[in-house]
Amino acid sequence: MINQTFAGSDISDAQVREWVAAGRIMSFVDIYAINKSRLEGRLLDLEVEQEDGEIVYEIEVLREDGEVREFHIDAATGAVLKEERDD
């Protein structure tokens, strides 16, 4: 299940698809392709959120070594904004 939050309100899957089609944000497939080496592992959670006026993919990945990493990735550019170990 994808939990999507937009300024405290849910973003519908249709809204995300519309933004991708309009070129406002990148698809998760494109985000993954750009950041493949950093996102390797088992996808645990994927959210689309608004942070400081920007749309962000928040992604949690379980790595082979058992470490869980959380990434905040700019949905428009694919740039990693934040990466942290999730306890």
N, C-alpha and C. Protein backbone atom coordinates (compact mmCIF):
# COMPACT_ATOMS: atom_id res chain seq x y z
N MET A 1 0.84 -1.18 0.00
CA MET A 1 0.00 0.00 0.00
C MET A 1 0.88 1.24 0.00
N ILE A 2 0.50 2.24 -0.76
CA ILE A 2 1.24 3.48 -0.80
C ILE A 2 0.48 4.52 0.00
N ASN A 3 1.12 5.04 1.02
CA ASN A 3 0.52 6.09 1.82
C ASN A 3 0.97 7.42 1.24
N GLN A 4 0.05 8.22 0.76
CA GLN A 4 0.40 9.48 0.13
C GLN A 4 -0.23 10.63 0.89
N THR A 5 0.61 11.59 1.28
CA THR A 5 0.12 12.71 2.07
C THR A 5 0.51 14.00 1.38
N PHE A 6 -0.41 14.95 1.34
CA PHE A 6 -0.15 16.25 0.71
C PHE A 6 -0.67 17.32 1.65
N ALA A 7 0.25 17.99 2.34
CA ALA A 7 -0.12 19.06 3.27
C ALA A 7 -1.21 18.63 4.23
N GLY A 8 -1.08 17.42 4.76
CA GLY A 8 -2.05 16.92 5.72
C GLY A 8 -3.25 16.25 5.10
N SER A 9 -3.37 16.30 3.80
CA SER A 9 -4.49 15.66 3.10
C SER A 9 -3.95 14.57 2.20
N ASP A 10 -4.77 13.57 1.98
CA ASP A 10 -4.35 12.49 1.08
C ASP A 10 -4.27 13.00 -0.35
N ILE A 11 -3.25 12.54 -1.05
CA ILE A 11 -3.16 12.77 -2.48
C ILE A 11 -3.69 11.50 -3.13
N SER A 12 -4.62 11.66 -4.01
CA SER A 12 -5.17 10.47 -4.67
C SER A 12 -4.16 9.91 -5.66
N ASP A 13 -4.26 8.62 -5.93
CA ASP A 13 -3.40 8.02 -6.95
C ASP A 13 -3.60 8.73 -8.28
N ALA A 14 -4.85 9.13 -8.55
CA ALA A 14 -5.15 9.84 -9.80
C ALA A 14 -4.39 11.16 -9.87
N GLN A 15 -4.27 11.86 -8.74
CA GLN A 15 -3.54 13.13 -8.72
C GLN A 15 -2.06 12.91 -9.02
N VAL A 16 -1.48 11.89 -8.42
CA VAL A 16 -0.07 11.57 -8.68
C VAL A 16 0.11 11.25 -10.15
N ARG A 17 -0.75 10.42 -10.70
CA ARG A 17 -0.66 10.07 -12.13
C ARG A 17 -0.79 11.31 -13.01
N GLU A 18 -1.69 12.22 -12.63
CA GLU A 18 -1.87 13.46 -13.39
C GLU A 18 -0.60 14.31 -13.38
N TRP A 19 0.01 14.44 -12.20
CA TRP A 19 1.25 15.21 -12.09
C TRP A 19 2.38 14.59 -12.90
N VAL A 20 2.46 13.26 -12.89
CA VAL A 20 3.48 12.57 -13.67
C VAL A 20 3.23 12.82 -15.16
N ALA A 21 1.98 12.65 -15.60
CA ALA A 21 1.64 12.85 -17.01
C ALA A 21 1.90 14.29 -17.47
N ALA A 22 1.68 15.25 -16.56
CA ALA A 22 1.89 16.66 -16.89
C ALA A 22 3.36 17.07 -16.80
N GLY A 23 4.20 16.17 -16.30
CA GLY A 23 5.62 16.47 -16.16
C GLY A 23 5.96 17.27 -14.92
N ARG A 24 5.02 17.41 -14.02
CA ARG A 24 5.26 18.16 -12.77
C ARG A 24 6.18 17.39 -11.84
N ILE A 25 6.00 16.06 -11.79
CA ILE A 25 6.86 15.19 -10.99
C ILE A 25 7.28 14.00 -11.83
N MET A 26 8.33 13.33 -11.38
CA MET A 26 8.81 12.12 -12.04
C MET A 26 8.07 10.92 -11.49
N SER A 27 7.99 9.89 -12.29
CA SER A 27 7.39 8.64 -11.82
C SER A 27 8.37 7.95 -10.87
N PHE A 28 7.84 7.05 -10.04
CA PHE A 28 8.73 6.30 -9.15
C PHE A 28 9.73 5.47 -9.96
N VAL A 29 9.31 4.95 -11.10
CA VAL A 29 10.22 4.17 -11.95
C VAL A 29 11.43 5.02 -12.35
N ASP A 30 11.18 6.28 -12.73
CA ASP A 30 12.28 7.17 -13.09
C ASP A 30 13.14 7.54 -11.88
N ILE A 31 12.48 7.80 -10.75
CA ILE A 31 13.21 8.11 -9.51
C ILE A 31 14.12 6.93 -9.15
N TYR A 32 13.60 5.73 -9.26
CA TYR A 32 14.39 4.54 -8.94
C TYR A 32 15.58 4.40 -9.90
N ALA A 33 15.34 4.63 -11.18
CA ALA A 33 16.41 4.49 -12.18
C ALA A 33 17.57 5.45 -11.89
N ILE A 34 17.25 6.66 -11.49
CA ILE A 34 18.27 7.66 -11.20
C ILE A 34 19.05 7.31 -9.93
N ASN A 35 18.38 6.71 -8.97
CA ASN A 35 18.97 6.46 -7.64
C ASN A 35 19.11 4.97 -7.34
N LYS A 36 19.22 4.16 -8.36
CA LYS A 36 19.20 2.70 -8.19
C LYS A 36 20.22 2.19 -7.17
N SER A 37 21.44 2.65 -7.23
CA SER A 37 22.46 2.13 -6.32
C SER A 37 22.15 2.47 -4.86
N ARG A 38 21.52 3.61 -4.61
CA ARG A 38 21.19 4.01 -3.25
C ARG A 38 19.92 3.32 -2.75
N LEU A 39 19.03 2.95 -3.66
CA LEU A 39 17.73 2.39 -3.28
C LEU A 39 17.69 0.86 -3.35
N GLU A 40 18.84 0.23 -3.56
CA GLU A 40 18.84 -1.23 -3.64
C GLU A 40 18.41 -1.83 -2.31
N GLY A 41 17.59 -2.86 -2.40
CA GLY A 41 17.07 -3.54 -1.23
C GLY A 41 15.58 -3.77 -1.39
N ARG A 42 14.95 -4.12 -0.30
CA ARG A 42 13.51 -4.39 -0.30
C ARG A 42 12.75 -3.11 0.04
N LEU A 43 11.84 -2.72 -0.84
CA LEU A 43 11.03 -1.52 -0.62
C LEU A 43 10.05 -1.80 0.52
N LEU A 44 10.13 -1.00 1.59
CA LEU A 44 9.24 -1.17 2.73
C LEU A 44 8.07 -0.20 2.71
N ASP A 45 8.33 1.03 2.27
CA ASP A 45 7.29 2.05 2.29
C ASP A 45 7.60 3.10 1.24
N LEU A 46 6.55 3.62 0.65
CA LEU A 46 6.66 4.68 -0.36
C LEU A 46 5.53 5.66 -0.14
N GLU A 47 5.88 6.90 0.11
CA GLU A 47 4.88 7.95 0.33
C GLU A 47 5.21 9.12 -0.58
N VAL A 48 4.18 9.86 -0.96
CA VAL A 48 4.35 11.11 -1.68
C VAL A 48 3.82 12.19 -0.75
N GLU A 49 4.69 13.14 -0.42
CA GLU A 49 4.34 14.17 0.56
C GLU A 49 4.75 15.54 0.05
N GLN A 50 4.20 16.57 0.69
CA GLN A 50 4.65 17.92 0.42
C GLN A 50 5.49 18.35 1.61
N GLU A 51 6.71 18.80 1.34
CA GLU A 51 7.61 19.30 2.37
C GLU A 51 8.14 20.64 1.92
N ASP A 52 7.89 21.67 2.69
CA ASP A 52 8.36 23.02 2.38
C ASP A 52 7.97 23.45 0.97
N GLY A 53 6.75 23.11 0.57
CA GLY A 53 6.23 23.52 -0.73
C GLY A 53 6.67 22.66 -1.90
N GLU A 54 7.51 21.67 -1.65
CA GLU A 54 7.98 20.77 -2.70
C GLU A 54 7.35 19.40 -2.54
N ILE A 55 7.13 18.74 -3.65
CA ILE A 55 6.60 17.37 -3.60
C ILE A 55 7.78 16.42 -3.50
N VAL A 56 7.69 15.51 -2.55
CA VAL A 56 8.82 14.64 -2.21
C VAL A 56 8.36 13.19 -2.14
N TYR A 57 9.18 12.30 -2.70
CA TYR A 57 9.00 10.86 -2.47
C TYR A 57 9.74 10.54 -1.19
N GLU A 58 9.05 9.89 -0.25
CA GLU A 58 9.68 9.40 0.96
C GLU A 58 9.71 7.88 0.83
N ILE A 59 10.90 7.33 0.83
CA ILE A 59 11.09 5.92 0.52
C ILE A 59 11.88 5.24 1.64
N GLU A 60 11.37 4.11 2.11
CA GLU A 60 12.09 3.29 3.09
C GLU A 60 12.51 1.99 2.43
N VAL A 61 13.78 1.64 2.62
CA VAL A 61 14.36 0.45 2.00
C VAL A 61 15.06 -0.37 3.06
N LEU A 62 14.84 -1.68 3.03
CA LEU A 62 15.56 -2.62 3.89
C LEU A 62 16.72 -3.18 3.07
N ARG A 63 17.94 -2.91 3.51
CA ARG A 63 19.12 -3.38 2.80
C ARG A 63 19.45 -4.82 3.19
N GLU A 64 20.29 -5.44 2.39
CA GLU A 64 20.67 -6.84 2.64
C GLU A 64 21.30 -7.04 4.01
N ASP A 65 21.98 -6.01 4.53
CA ASP A 65 22.63 -6.13 5.83
C ASP A 65 21.67 -5.91 7.00
N GLY A 66 20.37 -5.72 6.70
CA GLY A 66 19.36 -5.55 7.73
C GLY A 66 19.11 -4.10 8.12
N GLU A 67 19.88 -3.18 7.59
CA GLU A 67 19.70 -1.76 7.90
C GLU A 67 18.54 -1.18 7.09
N VAL A 68 17.71 -0.38 7.76
CA VAL A 68 16.62 0.31 7.09
C VAL A 68 17.06 1.74 6.83
N ARG A 69 16.97 2.19 5.59
CA ARG A 69 17.34 3.55 5.20
C ARG A 69 16.09 4.28 4.72
N GLU A 70 15.99 5.55 5.08
CA GLU A 70 14.88 6.38 4.63
C GLU A 70 15.45 7.49 3.75
N PHE A 71 14.82 7.69 2.60
CA PHE A 71 15.25 8.70 1.65
C PHE A 71 14.12 9.69 1.40
N HIS A 72 14.47 10.95 1.29
CA HIS A 72 13.54 11.98 0.84
C HIS A 72 14.11 12.45 -0.49
N ILE A 73 13.32 12.26 -1.55
CA ILE A 73 13.79 12.55 -2.91
C ILE A 73 12.86 13.54 -3.57
N ASP A 74 13.44 14.60 -4.13
CA ASP A 74 12.66 15.62 -4.83
C ASP A 74 11.95 14.96 -6.01
N ALA A 75 10.62 15.04 -6.02
CA ALA A 75 9.83 14.36 -7.05
C ALA A 75 9.97 15.00 -8.42
N ALA A 76 10.40 16.25 -8.47
CA ALA A 76 10.55 16.94 -9.75
C ALA A 76 11.91 16.68 -10.40
N THR A 77 12.96 16.53 -9.58
CA THR A 77 14.31 16.40 -10.13
C THR A 77 14.96 15.04 -9.92
N GLY A 78 14.49 14.29 -8.93
CA GLY A 78 15.10 13.01 -8.60
C GLY A 78 16.28 13.14 -7.65
N ALA A 79 16.58 14.35 -7.20
CA ALA A 79 17.71 14.57 -6.30
C ALA A 79 17.38 14.09 -4.89
N VAL A 80 18.34 13.42 -4.26
CA VAL A 80 18.17 12.98 -2.88
C VAL A 80 18.35 14.20 -1.98
N LEU A 81 17.32 14.51 -1.23
CA LEU A 81 17.34 15.66 -0.32
C LEU A 81 17.85 15.27 1.06
N LYS A 82 17.53 14.03 1.45
CA LYS A 82 17.92 13.56 2.78
C LYS A 82 17.99 12.04 2.74
N GLU A 83 18.99 11.50 3.43
CA GLU A 83 19.11 10.06 3.61
C GLU A 83 19.47 9.83 5.06
N GLU A 84 18.73 8.91 5.69
CA GLU A 84 19.04 8.64 7.09
C GLU A 84 18.75 7.18 7.43
N ARG A 85 19.44 6.74 8.44
CA ARG A 85 19.19 5.40 8.98
C ARG A 85 17.92 5.48 9.79
N ASP A 86 17.03 4.55 9.56
CA ASP A 86 15.75 4.51 10.27
C ASP A 86 15.84 3.44 11.35
N ASP A 87 15.63 3.84 12.58
CA ASP A 87 15.73 2.88 13.70
C ASP A 87 14.43 2.20 13.97
